[in-house]
N, C-alpha and C. Protein backbone atom coordinates (compact mmCIF):
# COMPACT_ATOMS: atom_id res chain seq x y z
N UNK A 1 15.18 -0.50 -6.67
CA UNK A 1 14.70 0.86 -6.77
C UNK A 1 13.39 0.98 -5.98
N UNK A 2 13.25 2.09 -5.27
CA UNK A 2 12.01 2.36 -4.54
C UNK A 2 11.35 3.60 -5.12
N UNK A 3 10.02 3.66 -5.02
CA UNK A 3 9.23 4.78 -5.50
C UNK A 3 8.27 5.20 -4.40
N UNK A 4 7.64 6.37 -4.54
CA UNK A 4 6.70 6.84 -3.54
C UNK A 4 5.39 7.22 -4.22
N UNK A 5 4.26 6.86 -3.57
CA UNK A 5 2.95 7.15 -4.11
C UNK A 5 2.00 7.58 -3.00
N UNK A 6 1.02 8.43 -3.33
CA UNK A 6 -0.03 8.72 -2.35
C UNK A 6 -0.94 7.51 -2.22
N UNK A 7 -1.45 7.31 -1.01
CA UNK A 7 -2.37 6.21 -0.72
C UNK A 7 -3.59 6.82 -0.06
N UNK A 8 -4.73 6.78 -0.76
CA UNK A 8 -5.95 7.42 -0.28
C UNK A 8 -6.84 6.42 0.46
N UNK A 9 -7.47 6.88 1.53
CA UNK A 9 -8.39 6.05 2.31
C UNK A 9 -9.82 6.52 2.08
N UNK A 10 -10.73 5.56 1.91
CA UNK A 10 -12.14 5.84 1.70
C UNK A 10 -12.98 5.02 2.65
N UNK A 11 -14.21 5.41 2.81
CA UNK A 11 -15.16 4.68 3.64
C UNK A 11 -16.20 4.02 2.74
N UNK A 12 -15.75 3.00 1.99
CA UNK A 12 -16.67 2.27 1.12
C UNK A 12 -16.74 2.79 -0.31
N UNK A 13 -16.01 3.86 -0.64
CA UNK A 13 -16.08 4.42 -2.00
C UNK A 13 -14.80 4.22 -2.80
N UNK A 14 -13.87 3.42 -2.31
CA UNK A 14 -12.58 3.27 -2.99
C UNK A 14 -12.74 2.76 -4.42
N UNK A 15 -13.58 1.74 -4.62
CA UNK A 15 -13.77 1.19 -5.98
C UNK A 15 -14.32 2.26 -6.91
N UNK A 16 -15.36 2.98 -6.47
CA UNK A 16 -15.95 4.03 -7.31
C UNK A 16 -14.92 5.11 -7.63
N UNK A 17 -14.14 5.51 -6.64
CA UNK A 17 -13.13 6.55 -6.85
C UNK A 17 -12.06 6.07 -7.83
N UNK A 18 -11.55 4.86 -7.62
CA UNK A 18 -10.51 4.34 -8.51
C UNK A 18 -11.01 4.18 -9.94
N UNK A 19 -12.24 3.71 -10.11
CA UNK A 19 -12.80 3.57 -11.45
C UNK A 19 -13.00 4.95 -12.10
N UNK A 20 -13.39 5.93 -11.31
CA UNK A 20 -13.53 7.31 -11.79
C UNK A 20 -12.18 7.85 -12.26
N UNK A 21 -11.15 7.71 -11.42
CA UNK A 21 -9.81 8.19 -11.78
C UNK A 21 -9.28 7.43 -13.00
N UNK A 22 -9.57 6.13 -13.07
CA UNK A 22 -9.14 5.33 -14.22
C UNK A 22 -9.76 5.86 -15.51
N UNK A 23 -11.04 6.25 -15.45
CA UNK A 23 -11.70 6.81 -16.63
C UNK A 23 -11.08 8.12 -17.08
N UNK A 24 -10.52 8.86 -16.16
CA UNK A 24 -9.90 10.14 -16.50
C UNK A 24 -8.45 9.96 -16.94
N UNK A 25 -7.67 9.23 -16.15
CA UNK A 25 -6.21 9.15 -16.37
C UNK A 25 -5.79 7.96 -17.21
N UNK A 26 -6.68 6.97 -17.40
CA UNK A 26 -6.28 5.77 -18.13
C UNK A 26 -5.37 4.92 -17.26
N UNK A 27 -4.53 4.12 -17.91
CA UNK A 27 -3.60 3.27 -17.19
C UNK A 27 -4.19 1.92 -16.86
N UNK A 28 -3.53 1.21 -15.97
CA UNK A 28 -3.94 -0.14 -15.56
C UNK A 28 -4.45 -0.09 -14.13
N UNK A 29 -5.65 -0.62 -13.92
CA UNK A 29 -6.27 -0.61 -12.60
C UNK A 29 -6.36 -2.03 -12.07
N UNK A 30 -5.86 -2.23 -10.86
CA UNK A 30 -5.98 -3.51 -10.16
C UNK A 30 -6.65 -3.30 -8.82
N UNK A 31 -7.61 -4.16 -8.50
CA UNK A 31 -8.33 -4.04 -7.23
C UNK A 31 -8.37 -5.40 -6.55
N UNK A 32 -7.99 -5.41 -5.27
CA UNK A 32 -8.08 -6.59 -4.42
C UNK A 32 -9.04 -6.27 -3.29
N UNK A 33 -10.02 -7.15 -3.06
CA UNK A 33 -10.98 -6.92 -1.99
C UNK A 33 -10.56 -7.67 -0.72
N UNK A 34 -11.18 -7.30 0.39
CA UNK A 34 -10.94 -8.03 1.63
C UNK A 34 -11.39 -9.48 1.48
N UNK A 35 -12.45 -9.70 0.70
CA UNK A 35 -12.93 -11.06 0.46
C UNK A 35 -11.92 -11.91 -0.28
N UNK A 36 -11.08 -11.29 -1.12
CA UNK A 36 -10.04 -12.04 -1.81
C UNK A 36 -9.08 -12.71 -0.83
N UNK A 37 -8.96 -12.14 0.37
CA UNK A 37 -8.11 -12.71 1.41
C UNK A 37 -8.94 -13.34 2.52
N UNK A 38 -10.20 -13.69 2.19
CA UNK A 38 -11.10 -14.45 3.07
C UNK A 38 -11.32 -13.75 4.41
N UNK A 39 -11.57 -12.44 4.36
CA UNK A 39 -11.85 -11.70 5.59
C UNK A 39 -13.09 -12.29 6.24
N UNK A 40 -13.06 -12.49 7.56
CA UNK A 40 -14.20 -13.15 8.23
C UNK A 40 -15.48 -12.32 8.30
N UNK A 41 -15.39 -11.00 8.09
CA UNK A 41 -16.57 -10.15 8.17
C UNK A 41 -17.18 -10.00 6.78
N UNK A 42 -18.36 -10.61 6.52
CA UNK A 42 -18.95 -10.53 5.18
C UNK A 42 -19.27 -9.09 4.76
N UNK A 43 -19.46 -8.20 5.71
CA UNK A 43 -19.76 -6.81 5.38
C UNK A 43 -18.56 -6.14 4.71
N UNK A 44 -17.35 -6.66 4.94
CA UNK A 44 -16.14 -6.08 4.34
C UNK A 44 -15.69 -6.80 3.08
N UNK A 45 -16.30 -7.94 2.77
CA UNK A 45 -15.83 -8.79 1.68
C UNK A 45 -15.66 -8.05 0.35
N UNK A 46 -16.57 -7.16 0.00
CA UNK A 46 -16.49 -6.46 -1.28
C UNK A 46 -15.76 -5.13 -1.19
N UNK A 47 -15.37 -4.73 0.01
CA UNK A 47 -14.63 -3.47 0.13
C UNK A 47 -13.18 -3.66 -0.33
N UNK A 48 -12.59 -2.59 -0.80
CA UNK A 48 -11.25 -2.64 -1.37
C UNK A 48 -10.20 -2.72 -0.27
N UNK A 49 -9.42 -3.81 -0.31
CA UNK A 49 -8.27 -3.95 0.59
C UNK A 49 -7.11 -3.15 0.03
N UNK A 50 -6.93 -3.23 -1.30
CA UNK A 50 -5.88 -2.46 -1.98
C UNK A 50 -6.27 -2.27 -3.44
N UNK A 51 -6.21 -1.03 -3.87
CA UNK A 51 -6.43 -0.71 -5.28
C UNK A 51 -5.26 0.10 -5.78
N UNK A 52 -4.87 -0.15 -7.02
CA UNK A 52 -3.69 0.54 -7.55
C UNK A 52 -3.93 0.89 -9.01
N UNK A 53 -3.83 2.18 -9.31
CA UNK A 53 -3.94 2.69 -10.67
C UNK A 53 -2.56 3.09 -11.13
N UNK A 54 -2.04 2.36 -12.13
CA UNK A 54 -0.70 2.63 -12.65
C UNK A 54 -0.83 3.33 -14.00
N UNK A 55 -0.24 4.52 -14.07
CA UNK A 55 -0.22 5.28 -15.31
C UNK A 55 1.24 5.52 -15.68
N UNK A 56 1.52 6.01 -16.89
CA UNK A 56 2.90 6.28 -17.25
C UNK A 56 3.56 7.34 -16.36
N UNK A 57 2.77 8.24 -15.76
CA UNK A 57 3.36 9.32 -14.99
C UNK A 57 3.31 9.17 -13.48
N UNK A 58 2.40 8.32 -12.97
CA UNK A 58 2.26 8.18 -11.53
C UNK A 58 1.50 6.92 -11.19
N UNK A 59 1.54 6.58 -9.91
CA UNK A 59 0.75 5.47 -9.38
C UNK A 59 -0.09 6.03 -8.25
N UNK A 60 -1.38 5.74 -8.26
CA UNK A 60 -2.31 6.16 -7.21
C UNK A 60 -2.85 4.91 -6.55
N UNK A 61 -2.78 4.87 -5.21
CA UNK A 61 -3.27 3.72 -4.46
C UNK A 61 -4.42 4.16 -3.57
N UNK A 62 -5.33 3.21 -3.28
CA UNK A 62 -6.47 3.53 -2.42
C UNK A 62 -7.02 2.26 -1.80
N UNK A 63 -7.75 2.44 -0.69
CA UNK A 63 -8.40 1.33 -0.01
C UNK A 63 -9.57 1.86 0.80
N UNK A 64 -10.45 0.95 1.20
CA UNK A 64 -11.56 1.30 2.08
C UNK A 64 -11.15 1.08 3.53
N UNK A 65 -11.45 2.06 4.37
CA UNK A 65 -11.18 1.98 5.79
C UNK A 65 -12.32 2.66 6.53
N UNK A 66 -12.70 2.13 7.67
CA UNK A 66 -13.80 2.74 8.43
C UNK A 66 -13.55 4.23 8.67
N UNK A 67 -14.58 5.00 8.51
CA UNK A 67 -14.55 6.44 8.74
C UNK A 67 -13.61 7.18 7.80
N UNK A 68 -13.19 6.52 6.70
CA UNK A 68 -12.35 7.19 5.71
C UNK A 68 -10.97 7.53 6.21
N UNK A 69 -10.49 6.85 7.25
CA UNK A 69 -9.18 7.14 7.81
C UNK A 69 -8.19 6.08 7.36
N UNK A 70 -6.94 6.49 7.19
CA UNK A 70 -5.89 5.54 6.86
C UNK A 70 -5.87 4.46 7.93
N UNK A 71 -5.35 3.26 7.64
CA UNK A 71 -5.45 2.14 8.56
C UNK A 71 -5.07 2.48 10.00
N UNK A 72 -4.03 3.23 10.19
CA UNK A 72 -3.60 3.53 11.56
C UNK A 72 -3.39 5.01 11.78
N UNK A 73 -3.59 5.82 10.76
CA UNK A 73 -3.32 7.24 10.88
C UNK A 73 -4.57 8.04 11.18
N UNK A 74 -4.42 9.34 11.21
CA UNK A 74 -5.52 10.22 11.54
C UNK A 74 -6.22 10.76 10.30
N UNK A 75 -5.55 10.80 9.18
CA UNK A 75 -6.13 11.41 7.99
C UNK A 75 -6.55 10.39 6.97
N UNK A 76 -6.68 10.86 5.72
CA UNK A 76 -7.08 9.94 4.67
C UNK A 76 -6.00 9.74 3.63
N UNK A 77 -4.76 10.13 3.94
CA UNK A 77 -3.65 9.95 3.01
C UNK A 77 -2.46 9.33 3.73
N UNK A 78 -1.85 8.35 3.09
CA UNK A 78 -0.62 7.73 3.58
C UNK A 78 0.40 7.82 2.46
N UNK A 79 1.65 8.07 2.80
CA UNK A 79 2.71 8.02 1.80
C UNK A 79 3.19 6.58 1.73
N UNK A 80 3.10 6.00 0.54
CA UNK A 80 3.47 4.61 0.35
C UNK A 80 4.76 4.55 -0.47
N UNK A 81 5.78 3.95 0.13
CA UNK A 81 7.05 3.71 -0.55
C UNK A 81 7.02 2.25 -0.99
N UNK A 82 7.35 2.00 -2.24
CA UNK A 82 7.26 0.64 -2.75
C UNK A 82 8.34 0.38 -3.79
N UNK A 83 8.62 -0.88 -4.00
CA UNK A 83 9.62 -1.27 -4.99
C UNK A 83 10.12 -2.67 -4.71
N UNK A 84 11.38 -2.93 -5.10
CA UNK A 84 11.91 -4.28 -4.95
C UNK A 84 13.24 -4.34 -4.19
N UNK A 85 13.65 -3.24 -3.56
CA UNK A 85 14.94 -3.18 -2.86
C UNK A 85 14.69 -3.25 -1.35
N UNK A 86 14.76 -4.47 -0.80
CA UNK A 86 14.44 -4.69 0.61
C UNK A 86 15.40 -3.93 1.52
N UNK A 87 16.68 -3.95 1.23
CA UNK A 87 17.64 -3.30 2.12
C UNK A 87 17.45 -1.79 2.16
N UNK A 88 17.20 -1.16 1.01
CA UNK A 88 16.94 0.29 1.02
C UNK A 88 15.63 0.56 1.75
N UNK A 89 14.61 -0.26 1.52
CA UNK A 89 13.34 -0.11 2.23
C UNK A 89 13.53 -0.20 3.73
N UNK A 90 14.34 -1.16 4.18
CA UNK A 90 14.61 -1.33 5.61
C UNK A 90 15.35 -0.11 6.16
N UNK A 91 16.34 0.37 5.41
CA UNK A 91 17.12 1.54 5.84
C UNK A 91 16.22 2.76 5.97
N UNK A 92 15.38 3.00 4.98
CA UNK A 92 14.48 4.15 5.03
C UNK A 92 13.49 4.00 6.18
N UNK A 93 12.93 2.79 6.34
CA UNK A 93 11.96 2.56 7.40
C UNK A 93 12.61 2.80 8.77
N UNK A 94 13.80 2.26 8.98
CA UNK A 94 14.49 2.45 10.25
C UNK A 94 14.83 3.92 10.49
N UNK A 95 15.17 4.65 9.43
CA UNK A 95 15.43 6.08 9.58
C UNK A 95 14.18 6.85 9.98
N UNK A 96 13.05 6.48 9.40
CA UNK A 96 11.79 7.15 9.72
C UNK A 96 11.30 6.83 11.14
N UNK A 97 11.81 5.75 11.73
CA UNK A 97 11.39 5.35 13.07
C UNK A 97 11.84 6.32 14.17
N UNK A 98 12.82 7.17 13.89
CA UNK A 98 13.32 8.10 14.90
C UNK A 98 12.18 9.00 15.38
N UNK A 99 11.73 8.78 16.61
CA UNK A 99 10.65 9.57 17.18
C UNK A 99 9.26 9.18 16.71
N UNK A 100 9.17 8.09 15.96
CA UNK A 100 7.90 7.67 15.36
C UNK A 100 7.13 6.71 16.26
N UNK A 101 5.87 6.46 15.89
CA UNK A 101 5.05 5.43 16.51
C UNK A 101 4.97 4.27 15.52
N UNK A 102 5.51 3.13 15.91
CA UNK A 102 5.48 1.95 15.06
C UNK A 102 4.07 1.40 15.00
N UNK A 103 3.56 1.17 13.80
CA UNK A 103 2.21 0.62 13.61
C UNK A 103 2.27 -0.84 13.19
N UNK A 104 3.15 -1.15 12.24
CA UNK A 104 3.32 -2.52 11.75
C UNK A 104 4.81 -2.75 11.58
N UNK A 105 5.33 -3.79 12.21
CA UNK A 105 6.75 -4.12 12.11
C UNK A 105 7.12 -4.40 10.66
N UNK A 106 8.30 -3.95 10.24
CA UNK A 106 8.78 -4.17 8.87
C UNK A 106 9.23 -5.62 8.75
N UNK A 107 8.35 -6.46 8.18
CA UNK A 107 8.64 -7.88 8.03
C UNK A 107 7.75 -8.47 6.94
N UNK A 108 8.00 -9.73 6.58
CA UNK A 108 7.18 -10.39 5.55
C UNK A 108 5.74 -10.52 6.03
N UNK A 109 4.81 -10.20 5.12
CA UNK A 109 3.38 -10.21 5.44
C UNK A 109 2.68 -11.34 4.69
N UNK A 110 1.36 -11.51 4.95
CA UNK A 110 0.60 -12.62 4.38
C UNK A 110 0.57 -12.59 2.86
N UNK A 111 0.73 -11.42 2.24
CA UNK A 111 0.68 -11.35 0.78
C UNK A 111 2.06 -11.58 0.15
N UNK A 112 3.07 -11.84 0.99
CA UNK A 112 4.39 -12.22 0.50
C UNK A 112 5.40 -11.09 0.41
N UNK A 113 4.97 -9.85 0.56
CA UNK A 113 5.90 -8.72 0.51
C UNK A 113 6.39 -8.41 1.92
N UNK A 114 7.47 -7.64 1.99
CA UNK A 114 7.97 -7.13 3.26
C UNK A 114 7.33 -5.76 3.44
N UNK A 115 6.64 -5.57 4.56
CA UNK A 115 5.84 -4.36 4.78
C UNK A 115 5.99 -3.88 6.21
N UNK A 116 6.00 -2.57 6.36
CA UNK A 116 5.98 -1.95 7.68
C UNK A 116 5.26 -0.62 7.59
N UNK A 117 4.73 -0.18 8.73
CA UNK A 117 3.99 1.08 8.74
C UNK A 117 4.28 1.81 10.04
N UNK A 118 4.38 3.14 9.93
CA UNK A 118 4.63 3.95 11.10
C UNK A 118 4.04 5.34 10.92
N UNK A 119 3.86 6.03 12.03
CA UNK A 119 3.50 7.44 12.00
C UNK A 119 4.72 8.19 12.51
N UNK A 120 5.30 9.03 11.64
CA UNK A 120 6.55 9.68 12.02
C UNK A 120 6.32 10.77 13.07
N UNK A 121 7.40 11.34 13.54
CA UNK A 121 7.31 12.32 14.63
C UNK A 121 6.58 13.59 14.23
N UNK A 122 6.29 13.74 12.94
CA UNK A 122 5.53 14.90 12.46
C UNK A 122 4.06 14.55 12.20
N UNK A 123 3.67 13.29 12.47
CA UNK A 123 2.29 12.86 12.27
C UNK A 123 1.99 12.34 10.89
N UNK A 124 3.01 12.16 10.05
CA UNK A 124 2.82 11.64 8.70
C UNK A 124 2.87 10.11 8.75
N UNK A 125 1.89 9.46 8.13
CA UNK A 125 1.85 8.00 8.09
C UNK A 125 2.62 7.52 6.86
N UNK A 126 3.54 6.60 7.10
CA UNK A 126 4.36 6.01 6.04
C UNK A 126 4.11 4.51 6.00
N UNK A 127 3.90 3.97 4.80
CA UNK A 127 3.78 2.54 4.58
C UNK A 127 4.88 2.15 3.60
N UNK A 128 5.73 1.21 4.00
CA UNK A 128 6.82 0.76 3.13
C UNK A 128 6.53 -0.68 2.75
N UNK A 129 6.33 -0.93 1.46
CA UNK A 129 5.97 -2.24 0.94
C UNK A 129 6.98 -2.65 -0.14
N UNK A 130 7.74 -3.71 0.14
CA UNK A 130 8.78 -4.12 -0.79
C UNK A 130 8.50 -5.55 -1.26
N UNK A 131 8.44 -5.70 -2.58
CA UNK A 131 8.33 -7.02 -3.19
C UNK A 131 9.74 -7.45 -3.55
N UNK A 132 10.33 -8.34 -2.77
CA UNK A 132 11.72 -8.71 -3.04
C UNK A 132 11.91 -9.15 -4.49
N UNK A 133 13.00 -8.66 -5.08
CA UNK A 133 13.32 -9.03 -6.46
C UNK A 133 13.46 -10.55 -6.53
N UNK A 134 12.84 -11.13 -7.52
CA UNK A 134 12.90 -12.58 -7.68
C UNK A 134 14.08 -12.92 -8.58
N UNK A 135 14.83 -13.93 -8.16
CA UNK A 135 15.96 -14.37 -8.97
C UNK A 135 15.42 -15.16 -10.16
N UNK A 136 15.95 -14.84 -11.32
CA UNK A 136 15.55 -15.56 -12.53
C UNK A 136 16.26 -16.91 -12.53
N UNK A 137 15.56 -17.97 -12.91
CA UNK A 137 16.22 -19.27 -12.97
C UNK A 137 17.30 -19.26 -14.06
N UNK A 138 18.38 -19.96 -13.77
CA UNK A 138 19.46 -20.05 -14.74
C UNK A 138 18.98 -20.80 -15.96
N UNK A 139 19.35 -20.32 -17.16
CA UNK A 139 18.92 -21.04 -18.36
C UNK A 139 19.55 -22.43 -18.40
N UNK A 140 18.75 -23.37 -18.90
CA UNK A 140 19.26 -24.73 -19.00
C UNK A 140 20.24 -24.83 -20.15
N UNK A 141 21.29 -25.58 -19.91
CA UNK A 141 22.33 -25.71 -20.93
C UNK A 141 21.97 -26.75 -21.95
């Protein structure tokens, strides 16, 4: 199953914004910094690489990006499709490629998920991130 969420871009305020939204909406907040992935620029170490607020009704994602712009887009919002169905993610990504500008090839990334990003022919930035479903080990007899 795949889902869709807004992904907000900030210029150094992602943590403050996510904590603010968390105080209002509740839910579970997870934040990963660039430093968590050993980014070579110490100025970015504490900035948010990915933040995710999960509530019963929606998921809100955010990150810090220079000038408050999405990683490769023109604005501060990206539509993020996510879930565990790699084949549907690939099909949707390939469909969105018609007339689009490819930003990141849809393939396995350093964090272990399959991810791709593009700007569609209408200027909308799409990020597709799929965590392949893990097979459960067979119970021992």
